[in-house]
């Protein structure tokens, strides 16, 4: 059958690849000139099933107030007269309970583990390379209170058989030798050895080339305007290049998904949360990270990508604004120089921001929409890179009428 995929970030590109492997005629539509030029372009680089957790959790409202008072704050909220933002915020607050956090994390971790396995299989089948490393993630704690508070996360990791290590200073310096220079700033760490890293942009670009070789057509520089609905189905997609039609439609537009769905009466709880990154060249390989380090205090990840260091994080609620704010750059520079003072040259940093499509409970929306030929693959938040292959494979399986290898039923809406 013919399938139209709307969006060519890492999510849309992955689902197009799996659909083409299943033998479908696939066409991808995107307003950009190539794949992964928006939110997938310069994310933190983590493929981190073990670190998959909702932002909403017990104590987060109080923490949010403290965060916003910090000099290098991980959270910034720009008050706006936007009902969607306030509704989303209220729904997130409702998920800030121990019960909701445990439930949502238990839904996220097994799916993320499945997605990482799909990525491994894809890598073995295609030989795709993207500055990838499989050396784990290290979550660093600056206070004993932070370290003592990981019990709930550890319980979920144990429940699903996810390998982990709780490390003291000697332990985290053994896996990240460059931290020996700054080890006194941290009391301990949680290491997730099964996690990976890699350049999401490079992956998406090369996967698009592979998909094109399988027959996928990419329609670039094409603006998607609206959906045509009739008889309980999507009968076409209006674009600035005309009406496009297909047997099935997959919506993978990230933060822009709700804007396209609202006119057809479908409301999904996805809202943009802006994230920032800087990418700096490595000046001293021995002083740079080996894999990914997460600074728990600032909620910033520092990742080695080949000969570069990617520093990504912060959460900014500012609607669909893509303004680059220098204060956020200052936070990212502070973290990388605080952890790895000899690692990279921040004066040569590339500064970037993107809109993460967040749901209030942290779980993505993957599955069939009320319109019988429309499928949703959106709302992955900070985990788009982590969940891309798994959610793409599941959507392809569902469209083919096959039983997915992973249970995504709880994510259908």
Protein backbone atom coordinates (compact mmCIF):
# COMPACT_ATOMS: atom_id res chain seq x y z
CA UNK A 1 0.00 0.00 0.00
CA UNK A 2 1.02 3.64 -0.34
CA UNK A 3 1.97 5.39 2.91
CA UNK A 4 2.50 9.12 3.33
CA UNK A 5 4.86 10.08 6.18
CA UNK A 6 4.56 13.67 7.38
CA UNK A 7 7.86 14.84 8.82
CA UNK A 8 11.48 13.77 8.29
CA UNK A 9 13.07 14.17 11.68
CA UNK A 10 14.59 11.05 13.18
CA UNK A 11 11.08 9.73 13.95
CA UNK A 12 9.69 10.20 10.44
CA UNK A 13 12.86 8.95 8.77
CA UNK A 14 12.93 5.81 10.92
CA UNK A 15 9.30 4.92 10.26
CA UNK A 16 9.83 5.50 6.52
CA UNK A 17 12.76 3.08 6.58
CA UNK A 18 10.79 0.34 8.35
CA UNK A 19 7.75 0.85 6.11
CA UNK A 20 9.89 0.53 2.99
CA UNK A 21 11.52 -2.63 4.36
CA UNK A 22 8.04 -4.07 4.77
CA UNK A 23 7.39 -3.52 1.07
CA UNK A 24 5.20 -0.40 1.12
CA UNK A 25 5.34 2.49 -1.30
CA UNK A 26 6.48 5.36 0.92
CA UNK A 27 6.57 9.09 0.39
CA UNK A 28 7.96 11.49 3.02
CA UNK A 29 6.96 15.16 3.07
CA UNK A 30 8.90 17.89 4.86
CA UNK A 31 9.21 21.66 4.64
CA UNK A 32 12.98 21.50 5.06
CA UNK A 33 15.58 20.79 2.36
CA UNK A 34 16.68 17.51 3.97
CA UNK A 35 16.15 15.19 6.93
CA UNK A 36 16.66 16.09 10.60
CA UNK A 37 17.10 19.83 10.15
CA UNK A 38 14.93 20.86 13.09
CA UNK A 39 14.65 19.19 16.52
CA UNK A 40 16.74 16.18 15.47
CA UNK A 41 19.63 18.34 14.28
CA UNK A 42 21.73 18.90 17.41
CA UNK A 43 20.21 17.11 20.38
CA UNK A 44 22.28 15.82 23.29
CA UNK A 45 23.21 12.61 21.43
CA UNK A 46 21.94 10.15 24.04
CA UNK A 47 20.38 6.80 23.20
CA UNK A 48 19.52 6.23 26.80
CA UNK A 49 16.90 3.62 27.70
CA UNK A 50 18.09 3.46 31.29
CA UNK A 51 17.70 7.21 31.70
CA UNK A 52 14.16 7.20 30.27
CA UNK A 53 12.00 8.88 32.86
CA UNK A 54 9.17 11.41 32.88
CA UNK A 55 9.90 14.96 33.86
CA UNK A 56 6.79 14.98 36.03
CA UNK A 57 7.51 13.44 39.41
CA UNK A 58 7.08 13.92 43.14
CA UNK A 59 8.74 17.08 44.34
CA UNK A 60 9.09 18.58 40.86
CA UNK A 61 6.84 21.63 41.50
CA UNK A 62 9.03 22.69 44.43
CA UNK A 63 12.19 21.87 42.50
CA UNK A 64 10.91 23.97 39.59
CA UNK A 65 10.68 27.03 41.81
CA UNK A 66 14.23 26.45 43.03
CA UNK A 67 15.49 25.84 39.49
CA UNK A 68 14.08 29.12 38.23
CA UNK A 69 15.96 30.96 40.99
CA UNK A 70 19.31 29.42 40.02
CA UNK A 71 21.87 31.41 38.08
CA UNK A 72 22.27 28.53 35.63
CA UNK A 73 18.68 27.38 35.67
CA UNK A 74 17.60 24.16 33.96
CA UNK A 75 14.06 25.58 33.62
CA UNK A 76 12.76 28.86 32.19
CA UNK A 77 9.09 29.74 31.76
CA UNK A 78 8.04 32.76 29.73
CA UNK A 79 4.48 33.65 30.83
CA UNK A 80 2.21 33.83 27.79
CA UNK A 81 -1.51 34.08 27.15
CA UNK A 82 -1.47 30.62 25.60
CA UNK A 83 -4.27 28.36 26.89
CA UNK A 84 -2.52 25.30 25.41
CA UNK A 85 0.57 25.94 27.55
CA UNK A 86 -1.44 26.33 30.76
CA UNK A 87 -3.55 23.24 30.05
CA UNK A 88 -0.40 21.25 29.39
CA UNK A 89 1.20 22.58 32.55
CA UNK A 90 -1.83 21.65 34.65
CA UNK A 91 -1.79 18.12 33.21
CA UNK A 92 1.91 17.81 33.98
CA UNK A 93 1.34 18.90 37.58
CA UNK A 94 -1.32 16.20 37.90
CA UNK A 95 1.40 13.66 37.02
CA UNK A 96 3.76 14.90 39.74
CA UNK A 97 2.91 12.09 42.14
CA UNK A 98 4.93 9.06 43.16
CA UNK A 99 2.29 6.74 41.73
CA UNK A 100 2.12 8.49 38.36
CA UNK A 101 5.91 8.73 38.10
CA UNK A 102 6.36 5.02 38.79
CA UNK A 103 3.65 4.10 36.27
CA UNK A 104 4.95 6.38 33.53
CA UNK A 105 8.58 5.32 33.98
CA UNK A 106 7.53 1.66 33.91
CA UNK A 107 5.84 2.35 30.55
CA UNK A 108 8.87 4.14 29.13
CA UNK A 109 11.82 1.94 30.08
CA UNK A 110 10.83 -1.34 28.37
CA UNK A 111 9.88 0.51 25.18
CA UNK A 112 13.18 2.37 25.21
CA UNK A 113 15.07 -0.89 25.73
CA UNK A 114 13.24 -2.39 22.74
CA UNK A 115 14.09 0.66 20.63
CA UNK A 116 17.79 0.41 21.51
CA UNK A 117 17.71 -3.26 20.42
CA UNK A 118 16.09 -2.22 17.11
CA UNK A 119 18.88 0.31 16.61
CA UNK A 120 21.50 -2.35 17.22
CA UNK A 121 19.85 -4.63 14.68
CA UNK A 122 19.57 -1.83 12.13
CA UNK A 123 23.25 -1.01 12.62
CA UNK A 124 24.21 -4.65 12.08
CA UNK A 125 22.06 -4.95 8.95
CA UNK A 126 23.10 -1.70 7.26
CA UNK A 127 26.55 -0.88 8.64
CA UNK A 128 25.34 2.66 9.34
CA UNK A 129 27.77 4.84 11.29
CA UNK A 130 27.03 8.13 13.04
CA UNK A 131 29.82 8.81 15.57
CA UNK A 132 28.21 6.08 17.64
CA UNK A 133 29.59 4.69 20.90
CA UNK A 134 28.23 2.06 23.27
CA UNK A 135 29.91 3.02 26.54
CA UNK A 136 26.96 3.88 28.75
CA UNK A 137 25.60 6.96 30.49
CA UNK A 138 26.89 8.41 33.75
CA UNK A 139 24.50 10.46 35.90
CA UNK A 140 26.53 12.64 38.27
CA UNK A 141 25.25 13.85 41.64
CA UNK A 142 26.63 16.95 43.35
CA UNK A 143 24.80 16.34 46.65
CA UNK A 144 24.16 13.35 48.87
CA UNK A 145 20.44 14.14 48.77
CA UNK A 146 20.42 13.63 44.99
CA UNK A 147 22.27 10.33 45.32
CA UNK A 148 19.96 9.13 48.09
CA UNK A 149 16.93 9.94 45.95
CA UNK A 150 17.58 7.40 43.18
CA UNK A 151 15.82 4.52 44.94
CA UNK A 152 12.66 4.70 42.84
CA UNK A 153 14.58 4.76 39.58
CA UNK A 154 16.76 1.87 40.68
CA UNK A 155 13.67 -0.17 41.56
CA UNK A 156 12.31 0.25 38.01
CA UNK A 157 15.70 -0.63 36.51
CA UNK A 158 15.79 -3.80 38.60
CA UNK A 159 12.20 -4.65 37.65
CA UNK A 160 13.02 -4.60 33.94
CA UNK A 161 16.49 -6.09 34.18
CA UNK A 162 18.31 -2.94 33.08
CA UNK A 163 22.00 -3.09 34.10
CA UNK A 164 23.18 -0.32 36.39
CA UNK A 165 25.99 0.56 38.79
CA UNK A 166 26.04 3.00 41.70
CA UNK A 167 29.57 4.43 41.79
CA UNK A 168 31.68 6.41 44.19
CA UNK A 169 34.32 8.88 43.02
CA UNK A 170 36.89 6.21 42.24
CA UNK A 171 34.26 4.28 40.32
CA UNK A 172 33.08 7.11 38.07
CA UNK A 173 36.64 8.24 37.44
CA UNK A 174 37.47 4.73 36.25
CA UNK A 175 34.90 4.96 33.45
CA UNK A 176 35.40 8.70 32.76
CA UNK A 177 39.09 9.41 33.48
CA UNK A 178 38.84 13.12 32.62
CA UNK A 179 36.62 13.62 35.68
CA UNK A 180 39.64 13.08 37.94
CA UNK A 181 40.31 16.81 37.63
CA UNK A 182 36.86 17.75 38.96
CA UNK A 183 35.82 14.70 41.00
CA UNK A 184 35.54 16.60 44.29
CA UNK A 185 32.48 18.43 42.95
CA UNK A 186 30.47 15.18 42.94
CA UNK A 187 29.55 12.67 45.63
CA UNK A 188 28.72 9.74 43.34
CA UNK A 189 27.07 8.56 40.15
CA UNK A 190 24.58 6.17 38.62
CA UNK A 191 26.00 4.40 35.58
CA UNK A 192 23.84 2.76 32.91
CA UNK A 193 26.31 0.67 30.90
CA UNK A 194 23.75 -0.42 28.29
CA UNK A 195 23.16 3.11 26.98
CA UNK A 196 24.67 4.45 23.77
CA UNK A 197 25.53 7.76 22.15
CA UNK A 198 25.59 9.05 18.61
CA UNK A 199 24.90 11.96 16.29
CA UNK A 200 21.16 11.92 15.57
CA UNK A 201 21.57 14.21 12.56
CA UNK A 202 24.21 12.01 10.94
CA UNK A 203 22.08 8.93 11.65
CA UNK A 204 18.97 10.48 10.10
CA UNK A 205 20.84 11.71 7.03
CA UNK A 206 22.37 8.32 6.34
CA UNK A 207 19.19 6.40 7.13
CA UNK A 208 17.34 8.63 4.65
CA UNK A 209 19.91 7.70 2.01
CA UNK A 210 19.39 4.01 2.79
CA UNK A 211 15.61 4.43 2.68
CA UNK A 212 15.84 6.25 -0.66
CA UNK A 213 17.82 3.27 -1.96
CA UNK A 214 14.89 1.08 -0.93
CA UNK A 215 12.52 3.25 -2.98
CA UNK A 216 11.32 5.87 -0.49
CA UNK A 217 10.54 9.18 -2.14
CA UNK A 218 11.44 12.30 -0.17
CA UNK A 219 9.49 15.42 -1.09
CA UNK A 220 11.61 18.28 0.30
CA UNK A 221 10.79 21.99 0.57
CA UNK A 222 7.10 21.16 0.72
CA UNK A 223 4.94 22.86 3.33
CA UNK A 224 2.14 20.77 4.84
CA UNK A 225 -0.96 22.95 5.17
CA UNK A 226 -3.90 20.82 6.34
CA UNK A 227 -5.57 17.41 6.34
CA UNK A 228 -8.54 16.54 4.18
CA UNK A 229 -11.06 14.38 6.02
CA UNK A 230 -14.01 12.39 4.71
CA UNK A 231 -15.90 9.32 5.83
CA UNK A 232 -13.88 8.98 9.02
CA UNK A 233 -10.55 8.85 7.20
CA UNK A 234 -7.82 11.12 5.89
CA UNK A 235 -8.57 11.50 2.20
CA UNK A 236 -5.66 13.76 1.40
CA UNK A 237 -2.98 16.11 2.65
CA UNK A 238 -2.98 19.67 1.35
CA UNK A 239 0.50 21.06 0.69
CA UNK A 240 1.89 24.06 -1.14
CA UNK A 241 2.66 21.60 -3.95
CA UNK A 242 -0.92 20.39 -4.17
CA UNK A 243 -3.06 17.60 -2.70
CA UNK A 244 -1.20 14.40 -1.81
CA UNK A 245 -3.07 11.14 -1.26
CA UNK A 246 -2.22 7.71 0.12
CA UNK A 247 -3.78 4.62 1.69
CA UNK A 248 -2.23 5.39 5.08
CA UNK A 249 -0.85 8.56 6.65
CA UNK A 250 1.73 8.68 9.46
CA UNK A 251 1.98 11.95 11.38
CA UNK A 252 5.51 12.53 12.72
CA UNK A 253 5.67 16.31 12.99
CA UNK A 254 6.91 16.56 16.56
CA UNK A 255 5.77 19.75 18.29
CA UNK A 256 3.79 20.81 15.24
CA UNK A 257 1.57 17.72 15.29
CA UNK A 258 -1.21 19.28 17.42
CA UNK A 259 -1.47 22.27 15.07
CA UNK A 260 -2.26 20.02 12.11
CA UNK A 261 -4.63 17.79 14.09
CA UNK A 262 -6.71 20.47 15.85
CA UNK A 263 -8.68 21.57 12.73
CA UNK A 264 -9.89 17.97 12.21
CA UNK A 265 -11.11 17.73 15.80
CA UNK A 266 -8.25 15.70 17.24
CA UNK A 267 -6.56 17.15 20.32
CA UNK A 268 -3.35 15.59 21.62
CA UNK A 269 -1.47 16.77 24.74
CA UNK A 270 1.79 17.71 23.03
CA UNK A 271 3.49 21.04 23.68
CA UNK A 272 6.90 22.40 22.59
CA UNK A 273 9.59 22.60 25.26
CA UNK A 274 12.65 24.31 23.86
CA UNK A 275 16.02 22.69 24.41
CA UNK A 276 19.43 24.16 23.67
CA UNK A 277 22.82 22.76 22.77
CA UNK A 278 26.32 23.85 21.96
CA UNK A 279 28.78 21.74 19.97
CA UNK A 280 32.46 22.36 20.57
CA UNK A 281 35.59 20.89 18.98
CA UNK A 282 37.73 18.71 21.26
CA UNK A 283 41.06 20.32 22.09
CA UNK A 284 42.39 17.68 24.50
CA UNK A 285 41.06 14.14 23.95
CA UNK A 286 42.30 13.05 27.37
CA UNK A 287 40.33 15.87 28.97
CA UNK A 288 37.07 15.09 27.15
CA UNK A 289 34.27 12.69 28.07
CA UNK A 290 34.35 9.13 26.79
CA UNK A 291 30.56 8.82 26.49
CA UNK A 292 27.64 10.80 28.02
CA UNK A 293 27.64 12.48 31.41
CA UNK A 294 24.43 13.91 32.85
CA UNK A 295 24.85 16.69 35.41
CA UNK A 296 21.84 16.08 37.64
CA UNK A 297 21.91 19.55 39.18
CA UNK A 298 21.73 21.46 35.90
CA UNK A 299 19.92 18.76 33.88
CA UNK A 300 22.56 19.06 31.17
CA UNK A 301 24.12 16.21 29.19
CA UNK A 302 27.71 16.30 27.94
CA UNK A 303 28.38 13.81 25.14
CA UNK A 304 31.37 12.88 23.02
CA UNK A 305 30.53 12.71 19.31
CA UNK A 306 33.67 11.83 17.40
CA UNK A 307 35.99 14.81 17.61
CA UNK A 308 33.30 17.05 19.10
CA UNK A 309 31.57 17.50 22.45
CA UNK A 310 27.82 18.09 22.42
CA UNK A 311 26.36 19.83 25.48
CA UNK A 312 22.58 19.77 25.55
CA UNK A 313 19.82 20.55 27.98
CA UNK A 314 17.66 23.16 29.70
CA UNK A 315 13.89 23.40 29.33
CA UNK A 316 12.27 26.60 28.16
CA UNK A 317 8.53 27.10 27.84
CA UNK A 318 8.19 29.82 25.23
CA UNK A 319 5.65 28.49 22.76
CA UNK A 320 7.02 28.00 19.27
CA UNK A 321 9.73 30.64 19.61
CA UNK A 322 13.14 29.65 18.24
CA UNK A 323 14.98 32.68 19.60
CA UNK A 324 18.49 31.78 20.77
CA UNK A 325 18.89 33.23 24.26
CA UNK A 326 22.46 33.90 25.38
CA UNK A 327 21.68 33.04 29.01
CA UNK A 328 21.03 29.44 27.97
CA UNK A 329 24.36 29.35 26.16
CA UNK A 330 26.00 30.54 29.36
CA UNK A 331 24.52 27.61 31.29
CA UNK A 332 25.80 25.06 28.77
CA UNK A 333 29.25 26.62 28.70
CA UNK A 334 29.33 26.65 32.49
CA UNK A 335 28.55 22.94 32.74
CA UNK A 336 31.09 21.73 30.19
CA UNK A 337 33.88 23.89 31.56
CA UNK A 338 32.98 22.91 35.12
CA UNK A 339 33.18 19.19 34.30
CA UNK A 340 35.81 19.12 31.56
CA UNK A 341 37.87 22.33 31.73
CA UNK A 342 40.46 21.01 29.26
CA UNK A 343 38.12 19.17 26.93
CA UNK A 344 36.90 21.57 24.28
CA UNK A 345 37.07 25.11 22.92
CA UNK A 346 33.80 26.83 23.86
CA UNK A 347 34.86 29.94 21.94
CA UNK A 348 34.24 27.93 18.74
CA UNK A 349 30.88 26.52 19.82
CA UNK A 350 27.91 26.11 17.49
CA UNK A 351 24.83 27.33 19.38
CA UNK A 352 21.45 25.76 18.57
CA UNK A 353 17.92 25.25 19.86
CA UNK A 354 15.04 22.92 19.00
CA UNK A 355 11.47 22.27 20.12
CA UNK A 356 10.97 19.01 21.98
CA UNK A 357 7.42 17.63 21.57
CA UNK A 358 6.56 16.91 25.21
CA UNK A 359 3.54 15.16 26.69
CA UNK A 360 2.52 15.90 30.29
CA UNK A 361 3.29 12.37 31.47
CA UNK A 362 6.46 11.97 29.40
CA UNK A 363 5.25 9.06 27.28
CA UNK A 364 4.96 9.42 23.49
CA UNK A 365 1.79 8.99 21.44
CA UNK A 366 2.29 6.03 19.14
CA UNK A 367 -0.56 4.23 17.39
CA UNK A 368 -3.76 4.62 15.44
CA UNK A 369 -5.81 7.82 15.52
CA UNK A 370 -9.64 7.91 15.44
CA UNK A 371 -9.38 8.47 11.68
CA UNK A 372 -9.00 4.88 10.52
CA UNK A 373 -6.06 5.42 8.16
CA UNK A 374 -4.12 7.90 10.30
CA UNK A 375 -1.28 6.83 12.56
CA UNK A 376 0.47 9.00 15.14
CA UNK A 377 4.15 8.85 16.03
CA UNK A 378 4.81 11.96 18.06
CA UNK A 379 5.28 13.39 21.55
CA UNK A 380 8.64 11.75 22.25
CA UNK A 381 9.96 14.76 24.15
CA UNK A 382 13.65 14.44 25.04
CA UNK A 383 13.62 10.77 23.99
CA UNK A 384 13.06 11.05 20.25
CA UNK A 385 16.54 9.73 19.44
CA UNK A 386 16.21 6.98 22.03
CA UNK A 387 12.75 5.85 20.87
CA UNK A 388 12.99 6.46 17.11
CA UNK A 389 13.76 2.97 15.86
CA UNK A 390 11.39 1.19 18.25
CA UNK A 391 8.42 3.44 17.60
CA UNK A 392 9.13 3.42 13.86
CA UNK A 393 9.23 -0.37 13.77
CA UNK A 394 6.02 -0.65 15.79
CA UNK A 395 4.08 1.74 13.54
CA UNK A 396 5.29 -0.15 10.46
CA UNK A 397 4.20 -3.45 12.04
CA UNK A 398 0.78 -2.07 12.97
CA UNK A 399 0.16 -0.69 9.49
CA UNK A 400 1.08 -4.07 8.02
CA UNK A 401 -1.35 -5.78 10.41
CA UNK A 402 1.47 -7.59 12.21
CA UNK A 403 1.69 -7.98 15.96
CA UNK A 404 4.49 -5.71 17.19
CA UNK A 405 7.34 -7.27 19.13
CA UNK A 406 6.88 -4.61 21.84
CA UNK A 407 3.65 -3.65 23.56
CA UNK A 408 2.90 -0.06 22.64
CA UNK A 409 -0.83 -0.36 23.41
CA UNK A 410 -0.56 1.99 26.40
CA UNK A 411 0.87 4.74 24.13
CA UNK A 412 -1.93 4.84 21.57
CA UNK A 413 -3.35 8.07 22.99
